[in-house]
Amino acid sequence: MAKFMLIKIGLMAEITDAAALREAALKQFDTADITSDDHPETADWHASEEGQEDRRLISTEDKTALWHLVDPAKVYGLLDGRPGAKALSMRLDVDELEGTTRRGALSAFLRHGHAETAGEDTGDLNEFIAALDEEITNRMASGPVPPEGMDP
């Protein structure tokens, strides 16, 4: 009998250059092979009202731009070659976090989807957020290090 598991992976992104983000998302969007029942040809879909609206949103909204930059094949690839399991489906949500500082955004990230922690005394959590913020600062100072097996 097969078992089905939900793997939740959180990824927090800091937008450092919104113009570059949107430009990259538009480039990927413009070359993507997107169709629908109403528009079975890619060129028709891109020219459609739906396609034009998506393009407008990418060029004006960071959330939509990020959503279009995620490569589902790389997400599915997390289980490639692993014995006894295979990726079946993916759900992608991009939500804007509250907070105008990295520490505030980290706090919102850790609490995201956990309404039960809102308003609680979270002393240990605050210490964890401070340590995580320091780790990120140190990692950024040393330059990006891609995970083993991934292209830089």
Protein backbone atom coordinates (compact mmCIF):
# COMPACT_ATOMS: atom_id res chain seq x y z
CA MET A 1 0.00 0.00 0.00
CA ALA A 2 1.39 3.38 -1.00
CA LYS A 3 1.75 6.25 1.45
CA PHE A 4 1.47 9.84 0.38
CA MET A 5 3.37 12.53 2.27
CA LEU A 6 3.23 16.31 2.15
CA ILE A 7 6.66 17.90 2.33
CA LYS A 8 6.52 21.55 3.33
CA ILE A 9 9.57 23.57 2.38
CA GLY A 10 9.71 27.26 3.13
CA LEU A 11 11.90 29.60 1.17
CA MET A 12 12.16 33.25 2.10
CA ALA A 13 13.45 35.65 -0.55
CA GLU A 14 14.72 39.18 -0.14
CA ILE A 15 14.08 41.32 -3.18
CA THR A 16 17.25 43.32 -3.67
CA ASP A 17 16.47 44.69 -7.15
CA ALA A 18 12.79 44.68 -8.14
CA ALA A 19 13.54 45.88 -11.68
CA ALA A 20 16.00 43.04 -12.32
CA LEU A 21 13.57 40.53 -10.77
CA ARG A 22 10.72 41.65 -12.99
CA GLU A 23 12.90 41.76 -16.10
CA ALA A 24 14.10 38.18 -15.51
CA ALA A 25 10.53 37.01 -14.87
CA LEU A 26 9.29 38.71 -18.05
CA LYS A 27 12.08 37.10 -20.08
CA GLN A 28 11.19 33.66 -18.72
CA PHE A 29 7.47 34.32 -19.21
CA ASP A 30 7.96 35.45 -22.81
CA THR A 31 9.79 32.23 -23.70
CA ALA A 32 7.55 29.89 -21.70
CA ASP A 33 5.42 27.33 -23.52
CA ILE A 34 2.03 28.26 -22.05
CA THR A 35 -1.30 27.14 -23.48
CA SER A 36 -4.90 26.76 -22.34
CA ASP A 37 -8.07 25.09 -23.61
CA ASP A 38 -9.09 28.38 -25.24
CA HIS A 39 -5.59 29.02 -26.64
CA PRO A 40 -3.87 25.71 -27.57
CA GLU A 41 -0.98 27.51 -29.30
CA THR A 42 1.64 29.30 -27.20
CA ALA A 43 1.66 32.43 -29.38
CA ASP A 44 -2.13 32.66 -29.15
CA TRP A 45 -2.03 32.37 -25.37
CA HIS A 46 0.63 35.08 -25.01
CA ALA A 47 -1.48 37.38 -27.22
CA SER A 48 -4.70 36.59 -25.35
CA GLU A 49 -6.25 38.86 -22.73
CA GLU A 50 -5.24 36.34 -20.04
CA GLY A 51 -1.64 36.27 -21.25
CA GLN A 52 -1.44 40.05 -21.47
CA GLU A 53 -2.86 40.40 -17.94
CA ASP A 54 -0.27 37.95 -16.58
CA ARG A 55 2.47 39.91 -18.33
CA ARG A 56 1.18 43.18 -16.84
CA LEU A 57 1.13 41.65 -13.35
CA ILE A 58 4.69 40.35 -13.71
CA SER A 59 5.89 43.80 -14.69
CA THR A 60 4.17 45.49 -11.74
CA GLU A 61 4.05 42.97 -8.86
CA ASP A 62 7.03 41.39 -7.11
CA LYS A 63 4.86 38.50 -5.89
CA THR A 64 3.79 37.55 -9.43
CA ALA A 65 7.32 38.00 -10.77
CA LEU A 66 8.73 35.63 -8.14
CA TRP A 67 6.00 33.10 -8.83
CA HIS A 68 6.98 33.02 -12.52
CA LEU A 69 10.69 32.57 -11.74
CA VAL A 70 10.32 29.34 -9.75
CA ASP A 71 11.29 26.34 -11.86
CA PRO A 72 8.98 23.42 -10.98
CA ALA A 73 11.44 20.94 -12.51
CA LYS A 74 14.05 21.92 -9.93
CA VAL A 75 11.52 21.50 -7.12
CA TYR A 76 10.57 18.04 -8.40
CA GLY A 77 14.29 17.33 -8.73
CA LEU A 78 14.73 17.43 -4.95
CA LEU A 79 13.67 13.78 -4.88
CA ASP A 80 15.33 12.70 -8.15
CA GLY A 81 17.48 9.65 -7.68
CA ARG A 82 16.31 9.07 -4.12
CA PRO A 83 15.29 5.46 -3.53
CA GLY A 84 11.71 4.67 -2.63
CA ALA A 85 10.09 8.05 -3.30
CA LYS A 86 9.11 10.25 -6.21
CA ALA A 87 7.60 13.72 -6.47
CA LEU A 88 4.00 13.65 -7.72
CA SER A 89 2.67 17.17 -7.50
CA MET A 90 3.70 20.65 -6.47
CA ARG A 91 1.82 23.60 -5.04
CA LEU A 92 3.40 27.01 -5.17
CA ASP A 93 2.31 29.95 -3.06
CA VAL A 94 4.12 33.27 -2.90
CA ASP A 95 3.06 35.51 -0.04
CA GLU A 96 4.41 38.88 1.00
CA LEU A 97 5.72 38.85 4.57
CA GLU A 98 5.11 41.66 7.01
CA GLY A 99 8.17 43.39 8.30
CA THR A 100 10.44 46.07 6.95
CA THR A 101 13.64 44.60 8.38
CA ARG A 102 15.13 41.19 7.78
CA ARG A 103 14.55 40.30 11.44
CA GLY A 104 10.89 41.35 11.19
CA ALA A 105 10.45 39.36 7.98
CA LEU A 106 12.14 36.31 9.57
CA SER A 107 9.69 36.52 12.45
CA ALA A 108 6.75 36.67 10.00
CA PHE A 109 8.28 33.81 7.98
CA LEU A 110 8.57 31.53 11.01
CA ARG A 111 5.05 32.35 12.17
CA HIS A 112 3.49 32.12 8.68
CA GLY A 113 0.59 29.71 8.77
CA HIS A 114 0.78 29.36 12.55
CA ALA A 115 -1.90 31.68 13.88
CA GLU A 116 -1.61 30.00 17.29
CA THR A 117 1.75 31.73 17.87
CA ALA A 118 0.38 35.22 17.20
CA GLY A 119 0.49 37.30 20.35
CA GLU A 120 2.20 34.62 22.46
CA ASP A 121 5.30 35.22 24.53
CA THR A 122 7.91 33.92 22.12
CA GLY A 123 11.16 34.65 23.94
CA ASP A 124 12.92 31.51 22.65
CA LEU A 125 11.63 32.23 19.13
CA ASN A 126 13.01 35.77 19.28
CA GLU A 127 16.44 34.38 20.25
CA PHE A 128 16.22 31.92 17.33
CA ILE A 129 15.30 34.76 14.93
CA ALA A 130 18.28 36.81 16.13
CA ALA A 131 20.62 33.82 15.61
CA LEU A 132 19.15 33.12 12.17
CA ASP A 133 19.54 36.79 11.19
CA GLU A 134 23.18 36.70 12.28
CA GLU A 135 23.79 33.48 10.29
CA ILE A 136 22.29 35.06 7.17
CA THR A 137 24.43 38.18 7.63
CA ASN A 138 27.57 36.04 7.95
CA ARG A 139 26.62 33.88 4.94
CA MET A 140 25.98 36.96 2.79
CA ALA A 141 29.33 38.44 3.80
CA SER A 142 31.14 35.29 2.66
CA GLY A 143 29.29 35.11 -0.68
CA PRO A 144 26.75 32.60 -1.94
CA VAL A 145 27.49 28.92 -1.54
CA PRO A 146 25.24 26.71 -3.68
CA PRO A 147 24.03 23.42 -2.21
CA GLU A 148 26.10 20.39 -3.16
CA GLY A 149 25.23 19.15 -6.63
CA MET A 150 23.59 22.41 -7.78
CA ASP A 151 25.03 24.79 -10.32
CA PRO A 152 26.05 28.18 -8.89
